[in-house]
Protein backbone atom coordinates (compact mmCIF):
# COMPACT_ATOMS: atom_id res chain seq x y z
CA MET A 1 51.32 109.69 -28.96
CA SER A 2 49.63 109.04 -32.29
CA LEU A 3 46.90 111.41 -33.44
CA LYS A 4 44.65 108.47 -34.26
CA LYS A 5 44.86 107.23 -30.68
CA MET A 6 44.14 110.62 -29.15
CA LYS A 7 40.64 111.47 -28.01
CA LYS A 8 39.00 114.71 -29.08
CA GLU A 9 39.30 116.00 -25.51
CA GLU A 10 43.07 115.44 -25.59
CA LEU A 11 43.39 117.18 -28.95
CA GLU A 12 41.44 120.18 -27.67
CA LEU A 13 44.16 120.72 -25.05
CA LEU A 14 46.78 121.17 -27.79
CA SER A 15 47.32 124.32 -29.83
CA ASN A 16 46.56 124.23 -33.55
CA LYS A 17 50.26 124.47 -34.36
CA ASP A 18 51.02 121.50 -32.09
CA ILE A 19 48.36 119.47 -33.89
CA ALA A 20 49.81 120.63 -37.23
CA TYR A 21 53.22 119.42 -36.08
CA LEU A 22 51.82 115.98 -35.28
CA ILE A 23 49.99 115.82 -38.63
CA LEU A 24 53.14 116.65 -40.60
CA GLU A 25 55.26 114.33 -38.48
CA GLU A 26 52.93 111.35 -38.84
CA SER A 27 51.90 111.81 -42.46
CA LYS A 28 55.43 112.47 -43.74
CA ARG A 29 53.74 114.74 -46.33
CA LYS A 30 54.03 118.42 -47.05
CA LEU A 31 50.73 120.31 -46.95
CA ASN A 32 49.58 123.80 -47.82
CA THR A 33 48.07 126.02 -45.14
CA ALA A 34 44.45 125.40 -46.11
CA ASP A 35 44.74 121.60 -46.27
CA LEU A 36 46.60 121.47 -42.98
CA PHE A 37 44.02 123.66 -41.24
CA LYS A 38 41.15 121.61 -42.72
CA LYS A 39 42.68 118.46 -41.23
CA ILE A 40 42.82 120.17 -37.83
CA MET A 41 39.20 121.31 -38.17
CA LYS A 42 38.14 117.75 -38.99
CA LEU A 43 40.03 116.31 -36.01
CA LEU A 44 38.48 118.87 -33.65
CA ASP A 45 35.06 118.67 -35.34
CA LEU A 46 34.95 122.45 -35.85
CA PRO A 47 32.29 124.16 -38.00
CA GLU A 48 33.15 125.42 -41.50
CA SER A 49 32.71 129.01 -40.30
CA THR A 50 35.89 128.56 -38.27
CA PHE A 51 37.98 128.23 -41.43
CA GLU A 52 37.63 131.79 -42.68
CA SER A 53 37.76 133.37 -39.25
CA LYS A 54 40.89 131.52 -38.06
CA ILE A 55 43.00 130.65 -41.14
CA ALA A 56 45.03 133.88 -41.02
CA ASP A 57 45.88 133.36 -37.34
CA PHE A 58 46.87 129.78 -38.10
CA TYR A 59 49.19 130.88 -40.92
CA THR A 60 50.82 133.46 -38.63
CA ALA A 61 51.29 130.84 -35.91
CA LEU A 62 53.08 128.51 -38.32
CA ALA A 63 55.17 131.31 -39.82
CA THR A 64 56.46 132.39 -36.40
CA ASP A 65 57.12 128.87 -35.07
CA LYS A 66 60.66 127.74 -35.83
CA ARG A 67 59.59 124.07 -36.04
CA PHE A 68 57.92 124.73 -39.42
CA ILE A 69 59.30 125.83 -42.76
CA LEU A 70 57.34 127.20 -45.72
CA LEU A 71 58.71 125.68 -48.92
CA ASP A 72 58.94 127.38 -52.33
CA ASN A 73 55.86 125.46 -53.51
CA GLY A 74 53.71 126.99 -50.74
CA LYS A 75 53.59 123.85 -48.63
CA TRP A 76 54.60 123.48 -45.01
CA ASP A 77 57.09 120.93 -43.73
CA LEU A 78 58.92 120.36 -40.51
CA ARG A 79 62.28 122.07 -40.34
CA THR A 80 63.83 118.80 -39.11
CA ASN A 81 62.87 117.15 -42.42
CA GLN A 82 64.72 119.81 -44.41
CA SER A 83 68.16 119.49 -42.76
């Protein structure tokens, strides 16, 4: 399902890394950790204070999930796009 068609309540049921996966899949763009997390915060309508308190956990979640790959330029992409 497309992110744009999903309601906030549906998005809240997903993990941040699952939302990140959908963002990267739909946008076909590579994004750095901060930009990716800011997009998630906007979709979930989270306060700015969430950014500093959760960004490190978000980075760790992406780094340990085999669906994502951190490129040399510091941007994240889906591993399937790099084959």
